[in-house]
PDB file of N, CA and C in Angstrom:
ATOM      1  N   MET A   1     -20.906 143.522 -75.530  1.00  0.00           N
ATOM      2  CA  MET A   1     -19.741 142.688 -75.308  1.00  0.00           C
ATOM      3  C   MET A   1     -19.874 141.422 -76.145  1.00  0.00           C
ATOM      4  N   ASN A   2     -18.853 141.109 -76.897  1.00  0.00           N
ATOM      5  CA  ASN A   2     -18.898 139.870 -77.676  1.00  0.00           C
ATOM      6  C   ASN A   2     -18.157 138.756 -76.932  1.00  0.00           C
ATOM      7  N   MET A   3     -18.265 137.551 -77.446  1.00  0.00           N
ATOM      8  CA  MET A   3     -17.704 136.378 -76.765  1.00  0.00           C
ATOM      9  C   MET A   3     -16.186 136.487 -76.604  1.00  0.00           C
ATOM     10  N   SER A   4     -15.508 137.116 -77.516  1.00  0.00           N
ATOM     11  CA  SER A   4     -14.057 137.213 -77.409  1.00  0.00           C
ATOM     12  C   SER A   4     -13.632 138.134 -76.271  1.00  0.00           C
ATOM     13  N   ASP A   5     -14.540 139.020 -75.830  1.00  0.00           N
ATOM     14  CA  ASP A   5     -14.223 139.911 -74.717  1.00  0.00           C
ATOM     15  C   ASP A   5     -14.417 139.245 -73.357  1.00  0.00           C
ATOM     16  N   MET A   6     -15.117 138.136 -73.338  1.00  0.00           N
ATOM     17  CA  MET A   6     -15.406 137.461 -72.066  1.00  0.00           C
ATOM     18  C   MET A   6     -14.251 136.548 -71.692  1.00  0.00           C
ATOM     19  N   LYS A   7     -13.887 136.595 -70.435  1.00  0.00           N
ATOM     20  CA  LYS A   7     -12.828 135.717 -69.942  1.00  0.00           C
ATOM     21  C   LYS A   7     -13.476 134.594 -69.143  1.00  0.00           C
ATOM     22  N   HIS A   8     -13.096 133.377 -69.458  1.00  0.00           N
ATOM     23  CA  HIS A   8     -13.631 132.213 -68.768  1.00  0.00           C
ATOM     24  C   HIS A   8     -12.480 131.454 -68.121  1.00  0.00           C
ATOM     25  N   THR A   9     -12.741 130.979 -66.958  1.00  0.00           N
ATOM     26  CA  THR A   9     -11.766 130.106 -66.327  1.00  0.00           C
ATOM     27  C   THR A   9     -12.329 128.702 -66.364  1.00  0.00           C
ATOM     28  N   LEU A  10     -11.497 127.767 -66.684  1.00  0.00           N
ATOM     29  CA  LEU A  10     -11.894 126.379 -66.792  1.00  0.00           C
ATOM     30  C   LEU A  10     -11.278 125.620 -65.631  1.00  0.00           C
ATOM     31  N   ALA A  11     -12.129 125.078 -64.793  1.00  0.00           N
ATOM     32  CA  ALA A  11     -11.650 124.286 -63.660  1.00  0.00           C
ATOM     33  C   ALA A  11     -11.614 122.828 -64.108  1.00  0.00           C
ATOM     34  N   ARG A  12     -10.439 122.334 -64.401  1.00  0.00           N
ATOM     35  CA  ARG A  12     -10.278 120.984 -64.913  1.00  0.00           C
ATOM     36  C   ARG A  12      -9.609 120.118 -63.862  1.00  0.00           C
ATOM     37  N   SER A  13     -10.143 118.907 -63.686  1.00  0.00           N
ATOM     38  CA  SER A  13      -9.504 117.923 -62.831  1.00  0.00           C
ATOM     39  C   SER A  13      -9.940 116.540 -63.304  1.00  0.00           C
ATOM     40  N   ASN A  14      -9.439 115.520 -62.650  1.00  0.00           N
ATOM     41  CA  ASN A  14      -9.739 114.147 -63.041  1.00  0.00           C
ATOM     42  C   ASN A  14     -10.253 113.401 -61.827  1.00  0.00           C
ATOM     43  N   LEU A  15     -11.362 112.695 -61.968  1.00  0.00           N
ATOM     44  CA  LEU A  15     -11.981 111.996 -60.840  1.00  0.00           C
ATOM     45  C   LEU A  15     -11.106 110.875 -60.283  1.00  0.00           C
ATOM     46  N   PHE A  16     -10.132 110.418 -61.065  1.00  0.00           N
ATOM     47  CA  PHE A  16      -9.277 109.325 -60.612  1.00  0.00           C
ATOM     48  C   PHE A  16      -7.918 109.797 -60.095  1.00  0.00           C
ATOM     49  N   GLU A  17      -7.680 111.110 -60.096  1.00  0.00           N
ATOM     50  CA  GLU A  17      -6.448 111.652 -59.523  1.00  0.00           C
ATOM     51  C   GLU A  17      -6.617 111.839 -58.022  1.00  0.00           C
ATOM     52  N   HIS A  18      -5.507 111.794 -57.321  1.00  0.00           N
ATOM     53  CA  HIS A  18      -5.467 112.039 -55.879  1.00  0.00           C
ATOM     54  C   HIS A  18      -6.332 111.029 -55.111  1.00  0.00           C
ATOM     55  N   VAL A  19      -6.292 109.795 -55.554  1.00  0.00           N
ATOM     56  CA  VAL A  19      -6.988 108.721 -54.845  1.00  0.00           C
ATOM     57  C   VAL A  19      -5.984 108.134 -53.862  1.00  0.00           C
ATOM     58  N   ALA A  20      -6.294 108.280 -52.576  1.00  0.00           N
ATOM     59  CA  ALA A  20      -5.380 107.819 -51.527  1.00  0.00           C
ATOM     60  C   ALA A  20      -5.222 106.302 -51.596  1.00  0.00           C
ATOM     61  N   PRO A  21      -4.092 105.796 -51.121  1.00  0.00           N
ATOM     62  CA  PRO A  21      -3.862 104.347 -51.141  1.00  0.00           C
ATOM     63  C   PRO A  21      -4.754 103.608 -50.152  1.00  0.00           C
ATOM     64  N   SER A  22      -4.814 102.304 -50.316  1.00  0.00           N
ATOM     65  CA  SER A  22      -5.592 101.457 -49.420  1.00  0.00           C
ATOM     66  C   SER A  22      -5.203 101.718 -47.969  1.00  0.00           C
ATOM     67  N   GLY A  23      -6.180 101.668 -47.091  1.00  0.00           N
ATOM     68  CA  GLY A  23      -5.928 101.917 -45.671  1.00  0.00           C
ATOM     69  C   GLY A  23      -6.159 103.367 -45.279  1.00  0.00           C
ATOM     70  N   ALA A  24      -6.321 104.233 -46.267  1.00  0.00           N
ATOM     71  CA  ALA A  24      -6.552 105.649 -45.973  1.00  0.00           C
ATOM     72  C   ALA A  24      -7.991 105.852 -45.516  1.00  0.00           C
ATOM     73  N   ASP A  25      -8.239 106.994 -44.901  1.00  0.00           N
ATOM     74  CA  ASP A  25      -9.597 107.346 -44.511  1.00  0.00           C
ATOM     75  C   ASP A  25     -10.458 107.511 -45.757  1.00  0.00           C
ATOM     76  N   GLU A  26     -11.739 107.295 -45.586  1.00  0.00           N
ATOM     77  CA  GLU A  26     -12.669 107.540 -46.676  1.00  0.00           C
ATOM     78  C   GLU A  26     -12.604 109.031 -47.008  1.00  0.00           C
ATOM     79  N   ARG A  27     -12.674 109.360 -48.299  1.00  0.00           N
ATOM     80  CA  ARG A  27     -12.486 110.744 -48.720  1.00  0.00           C
ATOM     81  C   ARG A  27     -13.743 111.258 -49.413  1.00  0.00           C
ATOM     82  N   PHE A  28     -14.126 112.481 -49.054  1.00  0.00           N
ATOM     83  CA  PHE A  28     -15.277 113.151 -49.649  1.00  0.00           C
ATOM     84  C   PHE A  28     -14.797 114.483 -50.207  1.00  0.00           C
ATOM     85  N   ASP A  29     -14.894 114.672 -51.519  1.00  0.00           N
ATOM     86  CA  ASP A  29     -14.465 115.912 -52.166  1.00  0.00           C
ATOM     87  C   ASP A  29     -15.662 116.572 -52.828  1.00  0.00           C
ATOM     88  N   SER A  30     -15.985 117.784 -52.396  1.00  0.00           N
ATOM     89  CA  SER A  30     -17.078 118.536 -52.998  1.00  0.00           C
ATOM     90  C   SER A  30     -16.587 119.124 -54.314  1.00  0.00           C
ATOM     91  N   LEU A  31     -17.280 118.803 -55.399  1.00  0.00           N
ATOM     92  CA  LEU A  31     -16.910 119.298 -56.721  1.00  0.00           C
ATOM     93  C   LEU A  31     -17.746 120.505 -57.122  1.00  0.00           C
ATOM     94  N   VAL A  32     -19.027 120.480 -56.771  1.00  0.00           N
ATOM     95  CA  VAL A  32     -19.956 121.566 -57.058  1.00  0.00           C
ATOM     96  C   VAL A  32     -20.929 121.650 -55.893  1.00  0.00           C
ATOM     97  N   ASP A  33     -21.223 122.871 -55.460  1.00  0.00           N
ATOM     98  CA  ASP A  33     -22.227 123.079 -54.415  1.00  0.00           C
ATOM     99  C   ASP A  33     -22.900 124.424 -54.694  1.00  0.00           C
ATOM    100  N   LYS A  34     -23.917 124.386 -55.552  1.00  0.00           N
ATOM    101  CA  LYS A  34     -24.602 125.617 -55.979  1.00  0.00           C
ATOM    102  C   LYS A  34     -26.079 125.361 -56.207  1.00  0.00           C
ATOM    103  N   HIS A  35     -26.872 126.341 -55.880  1.00  0.00           N
ATOM    104  CA  HIS A  35     -28.304 126.334 -56.185  1.00  0.00           C
ATOM    105  C   HIS A  35     -29.010 125.075 -55.679  1.00  0.00           C
ATOM    106  N   GLY A  36     -28.588 124.587 -54.516  1.00  0.00           N
ATOM    107  CA  GLY A  36     -29.232 123.420 -53.923  1.00  0.00           C
ATOM    108  C   GLY A  36     -28.746 122.087 -54.451  1.00  0.00           C
ATOM    109  N   VAL A  37     -27.795 122.105 -55.356  1.00  0.00           N
ATOM    110  CA  VAL A  37     -27.243 120.871 -55.912  1.00  0.00           C
ATOM    111  C   VAL A  37     -25.802 120.715 -55.429  1.00  0.00           C
ATOM    112  N   ARG A  38     -25.508 119.528 -54.911  1.00  0.00           N
ATOM    113  CA  ARG A  38     -24.126 119.230 -54.501  1.00  0.00           C
ATOM    114  C   ARG A  38     -23.672 117.992 -55.257  1.00  0.00           C
ATOM    115  N   ILE A  39     -22.482 118.075 -55.845  1.00  0.00           N
ATOM    116  CA  ILE A  39     -21.859 116.940 -56.511  1.00  0.00           C
ATOM    117  C   ILE A  39     -20.565 116.664 -55.773  1.00  0.00           C
ATOM    118  N   GLU A  40     -20.386 115.412 -55.374  1.00  0.00           N
ATOM    119  CA  GLU A  40     -19.156 115.084 -54.669  1.00  0.00           C
ATOM    120  C   GLU A  40     -18.585 113.767 -55.163  1.00  0.00           C
ATOM    121  N   ARG A  41     -17.282 113.685 -55.032  1.00  0.00           N
ATOM    122  CA  ARG A  41     -16.570 112.450 -55.297  1.00  0.00           C
ATOM    123  C   ARG A  41     -16.293 111.810 -53.948  1.00  0.00           C
ATOM    124  N   ILE A  42     -16.537 110.516 -53.869  1.00  0.00           N
ATOM    125  CA  ILE A  42     -16.275 109.759 -52.649  1.00  0.00           C
ATOM    126  C   ILE A  42     -15.307 108.643 -53.008  1.00  0.00           C
ATOM    127  N   VAL A  43     -14.269 108.466 -52.199  1.00  0.00           N
ATOM    128  CA  VAL A  43     -13.324 107.377 -52.404  1.00  0.00           C
ATOM    129  C   VAL A  43     -13.322 106.512 -51.146  1.00  0.00           C
ATOM    130  N   SER A  44     -13.678 105.238 -51.327  1.00  0.00           N
ATOM    131  CA  SER A  44     -13.762 104.291 -50.217  1.00  0.00           C
ATOM    132  C   SER A  44     -12.738 103.181 -50.413  1.00  0.00           C
ATOM    133  N   HIS A  45     -12.201 102.692 -49.318  1.00  0.00           N
ATOM    134  CA  HIS A  45     -11.220 101.598 -49.328  1.00  0.00           C
ATOM    135  C   HIS A  45     -11.656 100.555 -48.308  1.00  0.00           C
ATOM    136  N   GLY A  46     -12.610  99.726 -48.651  1.00  0.00           N
ATOM    137  CA  GLY A  46     -13.083  98.723 -47.703  1.00  0.00           C
ATOM    138  C   GLY A  46     -13.944  99.317 -46.604  1.00  0.00           C
ATOM    139  N   HIS A  47     -14.429 100.522 -46.807  1.00  0.00           N
ATOM    140  CA  HIS A  47     -15.258 101.183 -45.799  1.00  0.00           C
ATOM    141  C   HIS A  47     -16.700 100.699 -45.878  1.00  0.00           C
ATOM    142  N   ALA A  48     -17.383 100.811 -44.761  1.00  0.00           N
ATOM    143  CA  ALA A  48     -18.800 100.484 -44.667  1.00  0.00           C
ATOM    144  C   ALA A  48     -19.416 101.373 -43.603  1.00  0.00           C
ATOM    145  N   SER A  49     -20.730 101.515 -43.652  1.00  0.00           N
ATOM    146  CA  SER A  49     -21.430 102.259 -42.603  1.00  0.00           C
ATOM    147  C   SER A  49     -21.319 101.487 -41.292  1.00  0.00           C
ATOM    148  N   PRO A  50     -21.290 102.185 -40.171  1.00  0.00           N
ATOM    149  CA  PRO A  50     -21.271 101.486 -38.886  1.00  0.00           C
ATOM    150  C   PRO A  50     -22.510 100.601 -38.738  1.00  0.00           C
ATOM    151  N   PRO A  51     -22.401  99.531 -37.964  1.00  0.00           N
ATOM    152  CA  PRO A  51     -23.566  98.664 -37.754  1.00  0.00           C
ATOM    153  C   PRO A  51     -24.759  99.477 -37.240  1.00  0.00           C
ATOM    154  N   ASP A  52     -25.920  99.171 -37.746  1.00  0.00           N
ATOM    155  CA  ASP A  52     -27.176  99.822 -37.339  1.00  0.00           C
ATOM    156  C   ASP A  52     -27.250 101.303 -37.688  1.00  0.00           C
ATOM    157  N   PHE A  53     -26.330 101.808 -38.524  1.00  0.00           N
ATOM    158  CA  PHE A  53     -26.396 103.203 -38.980  1.00  0.00           C
ATOM    159  C   PHE A  53     -27.114 103.244 -40.319  1.00  0.00           C
ATOM    160  N   TRP A  54     -28.012 104.221 -40.478  1.00  0.00           N
ATOM    161  CA  TRP A  54     -28.736 104.407 -41.742  1.00  0.00           C
ATOM    162  C   TRP A  54     -28.660 105.868 -42.165  1.00  0.00           C
ATOM    163  N   TYR A  55     -28.301 106.103 -43.423  1.00  0.00           N
ATOM    164  CA  TYR A  55     -28.413 107.443 -43.991  1.00  0.00           C
ATOM    165  C   TYR A  55     -29.895 107.733 -44.203  1.00  0.00           C
ATOM    166  N   ASP A  56     -30.304 108.966 -43.939  1.00  0.00           N
ATOM    167  CA  ASP A  56     -31.691 109.387 -44.106  1.00  0.00           C
ATOM    168  C   ASP A  56     -31.648 110.837 -44.577  1.00  0.00           C
ATOM    169  N   SER A  57     -31.425 111.024 -45.864  1.00  0.00           N
ATOM    170  CA  SER A  57     -31.163 112.355 -46.417  1.00  0.00           C
ATOM    171  C   SER A  57     -32.444 113.115 -46.740  1.00  0.00           C
ATOM    172  N   PRO A  58     -32.437 114.426 -46.481  1.00  0.00           N
ATOM    173  CA  PRO A  58     -33.575 115.257 -46.851  1.00  0.00           C
ATOM    174  C   PRO A  58     -33.554 115.643 -48.341  1.00  0.00           C
ATOM    175  N   ARG A  59     -32.548 115.151 -49.073  1.00  0.00           N
ATOM    176  CA  ARG A  59     -32.451 115.444 -50.505  1.00  0.00           C
ATOM    177  C   ARG A  59     -32.356 114.130 -51.285  1.00  0.00           C
ATOM    178  N   THR A  60     -32.779 114.180 -52.528  1.00  0.00           N
ATOM    179  CA  THR A  60     -32.615 113.027 -53.406  1.00  0.00           C
ATOM    180  C   THR A  60     -31.132 112.873 -53.720  1.00  0.00           C
ATOM    181  N   GLU A  61     -30.703 111.625 -53.872  1.00  0.00           N
ATOM    182  CA  GLU A  61     -29.299 111.342 -54.169  1.00  0.00           C
ATOM    183  C   GLU A  61     -29.243 110.397 -55.367  1.00  0.00           C
ATOM    184  N   TRP A  62     -28.441 110.784 -56.342  1.00  0.00           N
ATOM    185  CA  TRP A  62     -28.126 109.892 -57.456  1.00  0.00           C
ATOM    186  C   TRP A  62     -26.654 109.569 -57.312  1.00  0.00           C
ATOM    187  N   VAL A  63     -26.319 108.290 -57.314  1.00  0.00           N
ATOM    188  CA  VAL A  63     -24.932 107.889 -57.121  1.00  0.00           C
ATOM    189  C   VAL A  63     -24.539 106.882 -58.193  1.00  0.00           C
ATOM    190  N   VAL A  64     -23.320 107.025 -58.702  1.00  0.00           N
ATOM    191  CA  VAL A  64     -22.775 106.084 -59.675  1.00  0.00           C
ATOM    192  C   VAL A  64     -21.425 105.590 -59.143  1.00  0.00           C
ATOM    193  N   LEU A  65     -21.201 104.303 -59.264  1.00  0.00           N
ATOM    194  CA  LEU A  65     -19.915 103.726 -58.879  1.00  0.00           C
ATOM    195  C   LEU A  65     -19.026 103.724 -60.116  1.00  0.00           C
ATOM    196  N   LEU A  66     -17.893 104.420 -60.042  1.00  0.00           N
ATOM    197  CA  LEU A  66     -17.003 104.556 -61.190  1.00  0.00           C
ATOM    198  C   LEU A  66     -15.936 103.470 -61.231  1.00  0.00           C
ATOM    199  N   SER A  67     -15.489 103.016 -60.051  1.00  0.00           N
ATOM    200  CA  SER A  67     -14.489 101.945 -59.989  1.00  0.00           C
ATOM    201  C   SER A  67     -14.643 101.214 -58.661  1.00  0.00           C
ATOM    202  N   GLY A  68     -14.072 100.023 -58.605  1.00  0.00           N
ATOM    203  CA  GLY A  68     -14.157  99.229 -57.379  1.00  0.00           C
ATOM    204  C   GLY A  68     -15.433  98.418 -57.339  1.00  0.00           C
ATOM    205  N   ALA A  69     -15.929  98.209 -56.128  1.00  0.00           N
ATOM    206  CA  ALA A  69     -17.159  97.448 -55.915  1.00  0.00           C
ATOM    207  C   ALA A  69     -17.799  97.950 -54.638  1.00  0.00           C
ATOM    208  N   ALA A  70     -19.119  97.803 -54.545  1.00  0.00           N
ATOM    209  CA  ALA A  70     -19.822  98.267 -53.348  1.00  0.00           C
ATOM    210  C   ALA A  70     -21.144  97.520 -53.216  1.00  0.00           C
ATOM    211  N   THR A  71     -21.613  97.466 -51.982  1.00  0.00           N
ATOM    212  CA  THR A  71     -22.915  96.882 -51.695  1.00  0.00           C
ATOM    213  C   THR A  71     -23.687  97.855 -50.826  1.00  0.00           C
ATOM    214  N   LEU A  72     -24.888  98.208 -51.277  1.00  0.00           N
ATOM    215  CA  LEU A  72     -25.787  99.059 -50.510  1.00  0.00           C
ATOM    216  C   LEU A  72     -26.911  98.205 -49.938  1.00  0.00           C
ATOM    217  N   GLU A  73     -27.424  98.628 -48.803  1.00  0.00           N
ATOM    218  CA  GLU A  73     -28.608  98.011 -48.226  1.00  0.00           C
ATOM    219  C   GLU A  73     -29.645  99.108 -48.036  1.00  0.00           C
ATOM    220  N   PHE A  74     -30.903  98.763 -48.307  1.00  0.00           N
ATOM    221  CA  PHE A  74     -32.009  99.687 -48.128  1.00  0.00           C
ATOM    222  C   PHE A  74     -32.945  99.109 -47.079  1.00  0.00           C
ATOM    223  N   GLU A  75     -33.320  99.953 -46.135  1.00  0.00           N
ATOM    224  CA  GLU A  75     -34.194  99.508 -45.060  1.00  0.00           C
ATOM    225  C   GLU A  75     -35.469  98.896 -45.641  1.00  0.00           C
ATOM    226  N   GLY A  76     -35.797  97.704 -45.182  1.00  0.00           N
ATOM    227  CA  GLY A  76     -36.995  97.015 -45.636  1.00  0.00           C
ATOM    228  C   GLY A  76     -36.790  96.129 -46.847  1.00  0.00           C
ATOM    229  N   ASP A  77     -35.655  96.253 -47.541  1.00  0.00           N
ATOM    230  CA  ASP A  77     -35.367  95.394 -48.690  1.00  0.00           C
ATOM    231  C   ASP A  77     -34.521  94.210 -48.229  1.00  0.00           C
ATOM    232  N   PRO A  78     -34.978  92.985 -48.451  1.00  0.00           N
ATOM    233  CA  PRO A  78     -34.214  91.833 -47.983  1.00  0.00           C
ATOM    234  C   PRO A  78     -32.928  91.591 -48.776  1.00  0.00           C
ATOM    235  N   ALA A  79     -32.908  91.969 -50.054  1.00  0.00           N
ATOM    236  CA  ALA A  79     -31.733  91.713 -50.889  1.00  0.00           C
ATOM    237  C   ALA A  79     -30.850  92.953 -50.960  1.00  0.00           C
ATOM    238  N   PRO A  80     -29.537  92.776 -50.801  1.00  0.00           N
ATOM    239  CA  PRO A  80     -28.633  93.924 -50.948  1.00  0.00           C
ATOM    240  C   PRO A  80     -28.535  94.352 -52.411  1.00  0.00           C
ATOM    241  N   CYS A  81     -28.091  95.562 -52.616  1.00  0.00           N
ATOM    242  CA  CYS A  81     -27.892  96.131 -53.947  1.00  0.00           C
ATOM    243  C   CYS A  81     -26.390  96.108 -54.232  1.00  0.00           C
ATOM    244  N   VAL A  82     -25.950  95.133 -55.022  1.00  0.00           N
ATOM    245  CA  VAL A  82     -24.528  94.954 -55.328  1.00  0.00           C
ATOM    246  C   VAL A  82     -24.201  95.779 -56.567  1.00  0.00           C
ATOM    247  N   LEU A  83     -23.178  96.642 -56.443  1.00  0.00           N
ATOM    248  CA  LEU A  83     -22.809  97.553 -57.527  1.00  0.00           C
ATOM    249  C   LEU A  83     -21.445  97.215 -58.100  1.00  0.00           C
ATOM    250  N   LYS A  84     -21.342  97.318 -59.410  1.00  0.00           N
ATOM    251  CA  LYS A  84     -20.072  97.204 -60.118  1.00  0.00           C
ATOM    252  C   LYS A  84     -19.864  98.514 -60.878  1.00  0.00           C
ATOM    253  N   PRO A  85     -18.664  98.780 -61.377  1.00  0.00           N
ATOM    254  CA  PRO A  85     -18.429 100.043 -62.080  1.00  0.00           C
ATOM    255  C   PRO A  85     -19.456 100.294 -63.177  1.00  0.00           C
ATOM    256  N   GLY A  86     -19.982 101.507 -63.170  1.00  0.00           N
ATOM    257  CA  GLY A  86     -20.991 101.919 -64.136  1.00  0.00           C
ATOM    258  C   GLY A  86     -22.407 101.829 -63.603  1.00  0.00           C
ATOM    259  N   ASP A  87     -22.611 101.050 -62.537  1.00  0.00           N
ATOM    260  CA  ASP A  87     -23.950 100.947 -61.957  1.00  0.00           C
ATOM    261  C   ASP A  87     -24.291 102.233 -61.227  1.00  0.00           C
ATOM    262  N   HIS A  88     -25.557 102.652 -61.346  1.00  0.00           N
ATOM    263  CA  HIS A  88     -25.998 103.853 -60.642  1.00  0.00           C
ATOM    264  C   HIS A  88     -27.355 103.605 -60.008  1.00  0.00           C
ATOM    265  N   VAL A  89     -27.636 104.371 -58.958  1.00  0.00           N
ATOM    266  CA  VAL A  89     -28.850 104.197 -58.164  1.00  0.00           C
ATOM    267  C   VAL A  89     -29.419 105.573 -57.841  1.00  0.00           C
ATOM    268  N   LEU A  90     -30.738 105.703 -57.940  1.00  0.00           N
ATOM    269  CA  LEU A  90     -31.434 106.908 -57.513  1.00  0.00           C
ATOM    270  C   LEU A  90     -32.038 106.616 -56.144  1.00  0.00           C
ATOM    271  N   ILE A  91     -31.637 107.393 -55.153  1.00  0.00           N
ATOM    272  CA  ILE A  91     -32.103 107.192 -53.780  1.00  0.00           C
ATOM    273  C   ILE A  91     -33.018 108.353 -53.432  1.00  0.00           C
ATOM    274  N   GLU A  92     -34.281 108.054 -53.291  1.00  0.00           N
ATOM    275  CA  GLU A  92     -35.283 109.085 -53.020  1.00  0.00           C
ATOM    276  C   GLU A  92     -35.098 109.708 -51.634  1.00  0.00           C
ATOM    277  N   VAL A  93     -35.672 110.875 -51.457  1.00  0.00           N
ATOM    278  CA  VAL A  93     -35.647 111.600 -50.182  1.00  0.00           C
ATOM    279  C   VAL A  93     -36.080 110.667 -49.042  1.00  0.00           C
ATOM    280  N   HIS A  94     -35.333 110.671 -47.968  1.00  0.00           N
ATOM    281  CA  HIS A  94     -35.608 109.906 -46.751  1.00  0.00           C
ATOM    282  C   HIS A  94     -35.674 108.394 -46.967  1.00  0.00           C
ATOM    283  N   ARG A  95     -35.095 107.893 -48.051  1.00  0.00           N
ATOM    284  CA  ARG A  95     -35.010 106.441 -48.271  1.00  0.00           C
ATOM    285  C   ARG A  95     -33.805 105.958 -47.477  1.00  0.00           C
ATOM    286  N   ARG A  96     -34.078 105.320 -46.355  1.00  0.00           N
ATOM    287  CA  ARG A  96     -32.988 104.911 -45.456  1.00  0.00           C
ATOM    288  C   ARG A  96     -32.140 103.825 -46.111  1.00  0.00           C
ATOM    289  N   HIS A  97     -30.822 104.082 -46.103  1.00  0.00           N
ATOM    290  CA  HIS A  97     -29.880 103.166 -46.735  1.00  0.00           C
ATOM    291  C   HIS A  97     -28.549 103.211 -46.008  1.00  0.00           C
ATOM    292  N   ARG A  98     -27.722 102.237 -46.298  1.00  0.00           N
ATOM    293  CA  ARG A  98     -26.387 102.168 -45.706  1.00  0.00           C
ATOM    294  C   ARG A  98     -25.443 101.518 -46.697  1.00  0.00           C
ATOM    295  N   VAL A  99     -24.157 101.781 -46.520  1.00  0.00           N
ATOM    296  CA  VAL A  99     -23.132 101.115 -47.317  1.00  0.00           C
ATOM    297  C   VAL A  99     -22.722  99.870 -46.528  1.00  0.00           C
ATOM    298  N   ALA A 100     -23.059  98.709 -47.061  1.00  0.00           N
ATOM    299  CA  ALA A 100     -22.748  97.455 -46.370  1.00  0.00           C
ATOM    300  C   ALA A 100     -21.281  97.086 -46.551  1.00  0.00           C
ATOM    301  N   ALA A 101     -20.710  97.406 -47.718  1.00  0.00           N
ATOM    302  CA  ALA A 101     -19.310  97.054 -47.984  1.00  0.00           C
ATOM    303  C   ALA A 101     -18.817  97.794 -49.218  1.00  0.00           C
ATOM    304  N   THR A 102     -17.502  98.023 -49.246  1.00  0.00           N
ATOM    305  CA  THR A 102     -16.820  98.484 -50.454  1.00  0.00           C
ATOM    306  C   THR A 102     -15.571  97.635 -50.618  1.00  0.00           C
ATOM    307  N   SER A 103     -15.042  97.611 -51.809  1.00  0.00           N
ATOM    308  CA  SER A 103     -13.872  96.790 -52.111  1.00  0.00           C
ATOM    309  C   SER A 103     -12.680  97.199 -51.252  1.00  0.00           C
ATOM    310  N   ASP A 104     -11.981  96.197 -50.721  1.00  0.00           N
ATOM    311  CA  ASP A 104     -10.725  96.508 -50.036  1.00  0.00           C
ATOM    312  C   ASP A 104      -9.534  96.161 -50.929  1.00  0.00           C
ATOM    313  N   ALA A 105      -9.805  95.606 -52.126  1.00  0.00           N
ATOM    314  CA  ALA A 105      -8.744  95.254 -53.063  1.00  0.00           C
ATOM    315  C   ALA A 105      -8.341  96.435 -53.945  1.00  0.00           C
ATOM    316  N   GLU A 106      -9.264  97.373 -54.138  1.00  0.00           N
ATOM    317  CA  GLU A 106      -9.003  98.556 -54.954  1.00  0.00           C
ATOM    318  C   GLU A 106      -9.922  99.677 -54.480  1.00  0.00           C
ATOM    319  N   PRO A 107      -9.578 100.915 -54.781  1.00  0.00           N
ATOM    320  CA  PRO A 107     -10.447 102.014 -54.363  1.00  0.00           C
ATOM    321  C   PRO A 107     -11.810 101.933 -55.049  1.00  0.00           C
ATOM    322  N   SER A 108     -12.842 102.228 -54.295  1.00  0.00           N
ATOM    323  CA  SER A 108     -14.183 102.379 -54.852  1.00  0.00           C
ATOM    324  C   SER A 108     -14.419 103.882 -54.986  1.00  0.00           C
ATOM    325  N   VAL A 109     -14.526 104.342 -56.224  1.00  0.00           N
ATOM    326  CA  VAL A 109     -14.706 105.761 -56.498  1.00  0.00           C
ATOM    327  C   VAL A 109     -16.159 105.968 -56.919  1.00  0.00           C
ATOM    328  N   TRP A 110     -16.839 106.842 -56.180  1.00  0.00           N
ATOM    329  CA  TRP A 110     -18.240 107.154 -56.406  1.00  0.00           C
ATOM    330  C   TRP A 110     -18.368 108.594 -56.878  1.00  0.00           C
ATOM    331  N   LEU A 111     -19.417 108.872 -57.618  1.00  0.00           N
ATOM    332  CA  LEU A 111     -19.833 110.236 -57.897  1.00  0.00           C
ATOM    333  C   LEU A 111     -21.256 110.339 -57.405  1.00  0.00           C
ATOM    334  N   ALA A 112     -21.501 111.276 -56.487  1.00  0.00           N
ATOM    335  CA  ALA A 112     -22.820 111.437 -55.897  1.00  0.00           C
ATOM    336  C   ALA A 112     -23.353 112.825 -56.223  1.00  0.00           C
ATOM    337  N   VAL A 113     -24.613 112.874 -56.603  1.00  0.00           N
ATOM    338  CA  VAL A 113     -25.303 114.135 -56.900  1.00  0.00           C
ATOM    339  C   VAL A 113     -26.494 114.223 -55.961  1.00  0.00           C
ATOM    340  N   TYR A 114     -26.527 115.278 -55.155  1.00  0.00           N
ATOM    341  CA  TYR A 114     -27.612 115.510 -54.204  1.00  0.00           C
ATOM    342  C   TYR A 114     -28.404 116.721 -54.677  1.00  0.00           C
ATOM    343  N   TYR A 115     -29.734 116.606 -54.688  1.00  0.00           N
ATOM    344  CA  TYR A 115     -30.554 117.735 -55.116  1.00  0.00           C
ATOM    345  C   TYR A 115     -31.892 117.708 -54.402  1.00  0.00           C
ATOM    346  N   PRO A 116     -32.496 118.878 -54.218  1.00  0.00           N
ATOM    347  CA  PRO A 116     -33.795 118.932 -53.551  1.00  0.00           C
ATOM    348  C   PRO A 116     -34.902 118.455 -54.488  1.00  0.00           C
ATOM    349  N   ASP A 117     -35.967 117.957 -53.922  1.00  0.00           N
ATOM    350  CA  ASP A 117     -37.132 117.563 -54.727  1.00  0.00           C
ATOM    351  C   ASP A 117     -37.970 118.768 -55.046  1.00  0.00           C
TER     352      ASP A 117
END
């Protein structure tokens, strides 16, 4: 079989399409979930983790902020991690963290990649 005989489907979309307006619920869209790797788009509108809540993931997480603004807190770190568009963070397995704040003036669009160690 040569390449011209193969049929490929191209799943095309845009990370900035279908972003709900301010006041909407936080949105999580799974883009890829295969072979232990999950990639998702997250859209936040002034959302934050509940008080005293900490994420504690069994997988490594790499996250990039594409638009908006956000502040992360890591357990044991006195200084918050303030993010602007283009900033990215690698969060190791079981590194307890929380979202302290996201912009309420514009959507904060994240791309998160979760993978096993």
